[in-house]
Amino acid sequence: MMILYFLLLLVSSGDSVYAQSQTERFLVPTGRIVFAKKNIRAGELFTRSNLEMRLTTQDKIPPDSFTRMEALFERRAGYRIRKNQIVSTFEIKPIDRLSWTSYDESSEREILKQKPRAGYGLVVYAMRDIPAGWPVEPMILDAKQIELSKIPKDAVTSAKKATGRIAKYGISQGQILTEHDLLPRKNRRLKGRS
């Protein structure tokens, strides 16, 4: 309480801009994301030796950044990544974005091992928007438990089953994936796309 009074006192003084920025520093939520620990060459594998986690304010976290370093292992850089740069999906070699890694496999196994609470079921949802005609990448999928009454009849229950399939329609961030949203595996392209 005394600290809050002191901060309010500073804000009301002539040095209000400085006091506000100091106050905001404590009030702004933060998150941990993946940065390049050193320069990473195009084609180089992501490893613990070239990546690190850092605490960053939420307003500086891009939506395509990674919150788990392990999600990048067994994948390669598509471009040169400079030291201290945030690592996002765009820095991953395109072919590796669609690969199903041992990390993806173990994460899915852990999720499927958990028994849903009574009256709940497991669904896969998009952590980011997926445009129509784009392939579904495993790194942008996650699973959660929701009430059985809210689960669509054709909901996708495994990220592995959706990986590499093409989105028929735009899929919004947070949307539950359904079979209706995805082209069957045999159809690799939408009509009109080359």
C-alpha atoms as a PDB file:
ATOM      1  CA  MET A   1       0.000   0.000   0.000  1.00  0.00           C
ATOM      2  CA  MET A   2       2.861   2.349   0.862  1.00  0.00           C
ATOM      3  CA  ILE A   3       4.517   1.687  -2.523  1.00  0.00           C
ATOM      4  CA  LEU A   4       1.308   2.469  -4.393  1.00  0.00           C
ATOM      5  CA  TYR A   5       0.977   5.747  -2.428  1.00  0.00           C
ATOM      6  CA  PHE A   6       4.603   6.612  -3.314  1.00  0.00           C
ATOM      7  CA  LEU A   7       3.998   5.895  -7.013  1.00  0.00           C
ATOM      8  CA  LEU A   8       0.848   8.024  -7.001  1.00  0.00           C
ATOM      9  CA  LEU A   9       2.788  10.810  -5.327  1.00  0.00           C
ATOM     10  CA  LEU A  10       5.433  10.646  -8.059  1.00  0.00           C
ATOM     11  CA  VAL A  11       2.811  10.649 -10.824  1.00  0.00           C
ATOM     12  CA  SER A  12       1.236  13.795  -9.402  1.00  0.00           C
ATOM     13  CA  SER A  13       4.636  15.540  -9.195  1.00  0.00           C
ATOM     14  CA  GLY A  14       6.359  17.431 -12.017  1.00  0.00           C
ATOM     15  CA  ASP A  15       8.293  14.302 -13.075  1.00  0.00           C
ATOM     16  CA  SER A  16       5.103  12.458 -14.073  1.00  0.00           C
ATOM     17  CA  VAL A  17       6.317  11.009 -17.391  1.00  0.00           C
ATOM     18  CA  TYR A  18       9.216   9.195 -15.719  1.00  0.00           C
ATOM     19  CA  ALA A  19       7.033   7.988 -12.841  1.00  0.00           C
ATOM     20  CA  GLN A  20       4.361   6.665 -15.222  1.00  0.00           C
ATOM     21  CA  SER A  21       6.905   4.709 -17.254  1.00  0.00           C
ATOM     22  CA  GLN A  22       8.327   3.179 -14.047  1.00  0.00           C
ATOM     23  CA  THR A  23       4.815   2.287 -12.855  1.00  0.00           C
ATOM     24  CA  GLU A  24       3.886   0.765 -16.225  1.00  0.00           C
ATOM     25  CA  ARG A  25       7.019  -1.381 -16.125  1.00  0.00           C
ATOM     26  CA  PHE A  26       5.608  -3.219 -13.116  1.00  0.00           C
ATOM     27  CA  LEU A  27       2.059  -3.419 -14.463  1.00  0.00           C
ATOM     28  CA  VAL A  28       2.752  -4.643 -18.038  1.00  0.00           C
ATOM     29  CA  PRO A  29       2.360  -8.443 -18.325  1.00  0.00           C
ATOM     30  CA  THR A  30       5.360 -10.370 -19.594  1.00  0.00           C
ATOM     31  CA  GLY A  31       5.963 -13.673 -21.345  1.00  0.00           C
ATOM     32  CA  ARG A  32       8.869 -15.943 -22.269  1.00  0.00           C
ATOM     33  CA  ILE A  33       9.757 -16.351 -25.937  1.00  0.00           C
ATOM     34  CA  VAL A  34      12.571 -17.864 -28.004  1.00  0.00           C
ATOM     35  CA  PHE A  35      15.486 -15.730 -29.211  1.00  0.00           C
ATOM     36  CA  ALA A  36      18.599 -16.594 -31.221  1.00  0.00           C
ATOM     37  CA  LYS A  37      21.493 -16.901 -28.757  1.00  0.00           C
ATOM     38  CA  LYS A  38      23.988 -16.470 -31.616  1.00  0.00           C
ATOM     39  CA  ASN A  39      23.881 -16.026 -35.397  1.00  0.00           C
ATOM     40  CA  ILE A  40      22.177 -19.019 -37.039  1.00  0.00           C
ATOM     41  CA  ARG A  41      22.992 -19.871 -40.659  1.00  0.00           C
ATOM     42  CA  ALA A  42      20.295 -20.766 -43.208  1.00  0.00           C
ATOM     43  CA  GLY A  43      19.825 -24.556 -43.099  1.00  0.00           C
ATOM     44  CA  GLU A  44      21.327 -24.912 -39.592  1.00  0.00           C
ATOM     45  CA  LEU A  45      19.406 -27.058 -37.087  1.00  0.00           C
ATOM     46  CA  PHE A  46      17.876 -25.313 -34.086  1.00  0.00           C
ATOM     47  CA  THR A  47      19.470 -26.570 -30.841  1.00  0.00           C
ATOM     48  CA  ARG A  48      19.872 -25.541 -27.202  1.00  0.00           C
ATOM     49  CA  SER A  49      23.262 -24.069 -28.090  1.00  0.00           C
ATOM     50  CA  ASN A  50      21.846 -21.519 -30.567  1.00  0.00           C
ATOM     51  CA  LEU A  51      18.509 -20.677 -28.874  1.00  0.00           C
ATOM     52  CA  GLU A  52      17.492 -19.172 -25.532  1.00  0.00           C
ATOM     53  CA  MET A  53      14.352 -18.158 -23.683  1.00  0.00           C
ATOM     54  CA  ARG A  54      13.929 -14.539 -22.586  1.00  0.00           C
ATOM     55  CA  LEU A  55      11.336 -12.619 -20.648  1.00  0.00           C
ATOM     56  CA  THR A  56       9.695  -9.929 -22.801  1.00  0.00           C
ATOM     57  CA  THR A  57       6.779  -7.561 -22.337  1.00  0.00           C
ATOM     58  CA  GLN A  58       3.559  -8.755 -23.996  1.00  0.00           C
ATOM     59  CA  ASP A  59       3.400  -5.725 -26.292  1.00  0.00           C
ATOM     60  CA  LYS A  60       6.706  -6.788 -27.899  1.00  0.00           C
ATOM     61  CA  ILE A  61       5.769 -10.440 -28.477  1.00  0.00           C
ATOM     62  CA  PRO A  62       4.772 -11.081 -32.108  1.00  0.00           C
ATOM     63  CA  PRO A  63       1.906 -13.549 -32.611  1.00  0.00           C
ATOM     64  CA  ASP A  64       4.126 -15.915 -34.632  1.00  0.00           C
ATOM     65  CA  SER A  65       6.886 -16.242 -32.007  1.00  0.00           C
ATOM     66  CA  PHE A  66       7.641 -19.414 -30.022  1.00  0.00           C
ATOM     67  CA  THR A  67       7.041 -19.903 -26.311  1.00  0.00           C
ATOM     68  CA  ARG A  68       8.707 -23.353 -26.251  1.00  0.00           C
ATOM     69  CA  MET A  69      12.250 -23.845 -27.503  1.00  0.00           C
ATOM     70  CA  GLU A  70      11.700 -27.597 -27.927  1.00  0.00           C
ATOM     71  CA  ALA A  71       9.119 -26.959 -30.664  1.00  0.00           C
ATOM     72  CA  LEU A  72      12.007 -25.830 -32.891  1.00  0.00           C
ATOM     73  CA  PHE A  73      14.296 -28.829 -32.359  1.00  0.00           C
ATOM     74  CA  GLU A  74      14.699 -31.106 -35.415  1.00  0.00           C
ATOM     75  CA  ARG A  75      13.790 -28.133 -37.615  1.00  0.00           C
ATOM     76  CA  ARG A  76      16.162 -25.946 -39.648  1.00  0.00           C
ATOM     77  CA  ALA A  77      16.471 -22.217 -40.203  1.00  0.00           C
ATOM     78  CA  GLY A  78      15.133 -21.116 -43.578  1.00  0.00           C
ATOM     79  CA  TYR A  79      17.102 -17.879 -43.507  1.00  0.00           C
ATOM     80  CA  ARG A  80      20.024 -16.379 -41.631  1.00  0.00           C
ATOM     81  CA  ILE A  81      18.872 -15.385 -38.151  1.00  0.00           C
ATOM     82  CA  ARG A  82      20.855 -12.744 -36.309  1.00  0.00           C
ATOM     83  CA  LYS A  83      21.901 -12.965 -32.681  1.00  0.00           C
ATOM     84  CA  ASN A  84      19.200 -11.584 -30.310  1.00  0.00           C
ATOM     85  CA  GLN A  85      16.456 -11.877 -32.968  1.00  0.00           C
ATOM     86  CA  ILE A  86      13.063 -13.305 -31.976  1.00  0.00           C
ATOM     87  CA  VAL A  87      12.555 -16.673 -33.678  1.00  0.00           C
ATOM     88  CA  SER A  88       9.190 -17.033 -35.431  1.00  0.00           C
ATOM     89  CA  THR A  89       7.571 -19.526 -37.777  1.00  0.00           C
ATOM     90  CA  PHE A  90       8.808 -17.473 -40.743  1.00  0.00           C
ATOM     91  CA  GLU A  91      12.432 -18.265 -39.876  1.00  0.00           C
ATOM     92  CA  ILE A  92      11.843 -22.023 -40.201  1.00  0.00           C
ATOM     93  CA  LYS A  93      12.663 -23.762 -43.473  1.00  0.00           C
ATOM     94  CA  PRO A  94       9.246 -24.201 -45.230  1.00  0.00           C
ATOM     95  CA  ILE A  95       9.553 -27.988 -45.584  1.00  0.00           C
ATOM     96  CA  ASP A  96      10.339 -28.270 -41.851  1.00  0.00           C
ATOM     97  CA  ARG A  97       7.219 -26.320 -40.885  1.00  0.00           C
ATOM     98  CA  LEU A  98       5.146 -29.321 -41.948  1.00  0.00           C
ATOM     99  CA  SER A  99       7.387 -32.005 -40.458  1.00  0.00           C
ATOM    100  CA  TRP A 100       6.120 -34.042 -37.496  1.00  0.00           C
ATOM    101  CA  THR A 101       9.030 -34.185 -35.024  1.00  0.00           C
ATOM    102  CA  SER A 102       9.707 -36.340 -31.982  1.00  0.00           C
ATOM    103  CA  TYR A 103       8.801 -33.281 -29.840  1.00  0.00           C
ATOM    104  CA  ASP A 104       5.411 -33.067 -31.589  1.00  0.00           C
ATOM    105  CA  GLU A 105       4.916 -36.800 -31.074  1.00  0.00           C
ATOM    106  CA  SER A 106       5.783 -36.726 -27.353  1.00  0.00           C
ATOM    107  CA  SER A 107       3.615 -33.624 -26.766  1.00  0.00           C
ATOM    108  CA  GLU A 108       0.644 -35.293 -28.427  1.00  0.00           C
ATOM    109  CA  ARG A 109       1.227 -38.506 -26.469  1.00  0.00           C
ATOM    110  CA  GLU A 110       1.222 -36.526 -23.195  1.00  0.00           C
ATOM    111  CA  ILE A 111      -2.008 -34.753 -24.141  1.00  0.00           C
ATOM    112  CA  LEU A 112      -3.749 -37.964 -25.183  1.00  0.00           C
ATOM    113  CA  LYS A 113      -2.624 -39.693 -21.950  1.00  0.00           C
ATOM    114  CA  GLN A 114      -4.563 -37.207 -19.850  1.00  0.00           C
ATOM    115  CA  LYS A 115      -8.071 -38.411 -19.170  1.00  0.00           C
ATOM    116  CA  PRO A 116     -10.679 -35.706 -19.777  1.00  0.00           C
ATOM    117  CA  ARG A 117     -12.767 -34.628 -16.810  1.00  0.00           C
ATOM    118  CA  ALA A 118     -16.289 -36.008 -16.655  1.00  0.00           C
ATOM    119  CA  GLY A 119     -18.447 -34.336 -19.282  1.00  0.00           C
ATOM    120  CA  TYR A 120     -15.434 -32.993 -21.222  1.00  0.00           C
ATOM    121  CA  GLY A 121     -13.608 -34.058 -24.379  1.00  0.00           C
ATOM    122  CA  LEU A 122     -10.363 -33.221 -26.163  1.00  0.00           C
ATOM    123  CA  VAL A 123     -10.255 -31.013 -29.277  1.00  0.00           C
ATOM    124  CA  VAL A 124      -7.499 -29.490 -31.409  1.00  0.00           C
ATOM    125  CA  TYR A 125      -7.569 -25.742 -32.032  1.00  0.00           C
ATOM    126  CA  ALA A 126      -5.520 -23.188 -33.977  1.00  0.00           C
ATOM    127  CA  MET A 127      -3.190 -20.982 -31.925  1.00  0.00           C
ATOM    128  CA  ARG A 128      -2.946 -18.580 -34.899  1.00  0.00           C
ATOM    129  CA  ASP A 129      -5.021 -17.777 -37.973  1.00  0.00           C
ATOM    130  CA  ILE A 130      -4.624 -20.242 -40.857  1.00  0.00           C
ATOM    131  CA  PRO A 131      -5.536 -18.724 -44.247  1.00  0.00           C
ATOM    132  CA  ALA A 132      -7.638 -20.704 -46.737  1.00  0.00           C
ATOM    133  CA  GLY A 133      -5.430 -22.813 -49.011  1.00  0.00           C
ATOM    134  CA  TRP A 134      -2.551 -23.008 -46.530  1.00  0.00           C
ATOM    135  CA  PRO A 135      -1.244 -26.242 -45.034  1.00  0.00           C
ATOM    136  CA  VAL A 136      -1.753 -26.805 -41.313  1.00  0.00           C
ATOM    137  CA  GLU A 137       1.546 -26.705 -39.383  1.00  0.00           C
ATOM    138  CA  PRO A 138       1.944 -28.716 -36.154  1.00  0.00           C
ATOM    139  CA  MET A 139       3.572 -25.765 -34.370  1.00  0.00           C
ATOM    140  CA  ILE A 140       0.388 -23.693 -34.537  1.00  0.00           C
ATOM    141  CA  LEU A 141      -1.926 -26.360 -33.120  1.00  0.00           C
ATOM    142  CA  ASP A 142      -2.740 -27.153 -29.525  1.00  0.00           C
ATOM    143  CA  ALA A 143      -5.315 -29.248 -27.695  1.00  0.00           C
ATOM    144  CA  LYS A 144      -7.717 -28.395 -24.899  1.00  0.00           C
ATOM    145  CA  GLN A 145     -10.598 -29.943 -23.011  1.00  0.00           C
ATOM    146  CA  ILE A 146     -14.060 -28.482 -23.502  1.00  0.00           C
ATOM    147  CA  GLU A 147     -17.585 -29.518 -22.567  1.00  0.00           C
ATOM    148  CA  LEU A 148     -18.877 -32.421 -24.658  1.00  0.00           C
ATOM    149  CA  SER A 149     -21.971 -30.410 -25.633  1.00  0.00           C
ATOM    150  CA  LYS A 150     -19.727 -27.772 -27.296  1.00  0.00           C
ATOM    151  CA  ILE A 151     -17.623 -30.206 -29.355  1.00  0.00           C
ATOM    152  CA  PRO A 152     -18.523 -30.261 -33.064  1.00  0.00           C
ATOM    153  CA  LYS A 153     -19.421 -33.737 -34.373  1.00  0.00           C
ATOM    154  CA  ASP A 154     -16.471 -33.788 -36.810  1.00  0.00           C
ATOM    155  CA  ALA A 155     -13.895 -32.156 -34.495  1.00  0.00           C
ATOM    156  CA  VAL A 156     -10.254 -33.102 -35.044  1.00  0.00           C
ATOM    157  CA  THR A 157      -8.919 -34.808 -31.912  1.00  0.00           C
ATOM    158  CA  SER A 158      -5.273 -35.270 -32.950  1.00  0.00           C
ATOM    159  CA  ALA A 159      -2.834 -32.632 -34.196  1.00  0.00           C
ATOM    160  CA  LYS A 160      -1.011 -35.341 -36.156  1.00  0.00           C
ATOM    161  CA  LYS A 161      -4.193 -36.052 -38.183  1.00  0.00           C
ATOM    162  CA  ALA A 162      -4.448 -32.359 -39.167  1.00  0.00           C
ATOM    163  CA  THR A 163      -0.744 -31.687 -39.864  1.00  0.00           C
ATOM    164  CA  GLY A 164      -0.013 -31.091 -43.534  1.00  0.00           C
ATOM    165  CA  ARG A 165      -3.675 -30.927 -44.564  1.00  0.00           C
ATOM    166  CA  ILE A 166      -4.883 -27.871 -46.451  1.00  0.00           C
ATOM    167  CA  ALA A 167      -7.373 -25.442 -44.896  1.00  0.00           C
ATOM    168  CA  LYS A 168     -10.523 -25.243 -47.085  1.00  0.00           C
ATOM    169  CA  TYR A 169     -11.547 -22.015 -45.414  1.00  0.00           C
ATOM    170  CA  GLY A 170      -9.793 -19.480 -43.234  1.00  0.00           C
ATOM    171  CA  ILE A 171      -9.416 -20.837 -39.705  1.00  0.00           C
ATOM    172  CA  SER A 172      -9.376 -18.213 -36.947  1.00  0.00           C
ATOM    173  CA  GLN A 173      -7.108 -18.184 -33.923  1.00  0.00           C
ATOM    174  CA  GLY A 174      -8.765 -20.197 -31.143  1.00  0.00           C
ATOM    175  CA  GLN A 175     -11.107 -22.007 -33.554  1.00  0.00           C
ATOM    176  CA  ILE A 176     -11.621 -25.744 -33.063  1.00  0.00           C
ATOM    177  CA  LEU A 177     -10.467 -27.668 -36.145  1.00  0.00           C
ATOM    178  CA  THR A 178     -13.057 -29.853 -37.823  1.00  0.00           C
ATOM    179  CA  GLU A 179     -12.850 -32.278 -40.734  1.00  0.00           C
ATOM    180  CA  HIS A 180     -15.120 -29.842 -42.595  1.00  0.00           C
ATOM    181  CA  ASP A 181     -12.386 -27.146 -42.402  1.00  0.00           C
ATOM    182  CA  LEU A 182      -9.705 -29.342 -43.993  1.00  0.00           C
ATOM    183  CA  LEU A 183      -9.258 -30.922 -47.398  1.00  0.00           C
ATOM    184  CA  PRO A 184      -8.743 -34.690 -47.408  1.00  0.00           C
ATOM    185  CA  ARG A 185      -5.071 -35.697 -47.607  1.00  0.00           C
ATOM    186  CA  LYS A 186      -5.339 -36.807 -51.242  1.00  0.00           C
ATOM    187  CA  ASN A 187      -6.364 -33.287 -52.405  1.00  0.00           C
ATOM    188  CA  ARG A 188      -3.191 -31.247 -52.008  1.00  0.00           C
ATOM    189  CA  ARG A 189      -4.459 -28.048 -53.702  1.00  0.00           C
ATOM    190  CA  LEU A 190      -7.529 -25.874 -53.784  1.00  0.00           C
ATOM    191  CA  LYS A 191      -9.047 -25.270 -57.218  1.00  0.00           C
ATOM    192  CA  GLY A 192      -7.672 -22.126 -58.772  1.00  0.00           C
ATOM    193  CA  ARG A 193      -4.357 -22.265 -56.866  1.00  0.00           C
ATOM    194  CA  SER A 194      -1.184 -23.196 -58.684  1.00  0.00           C
END
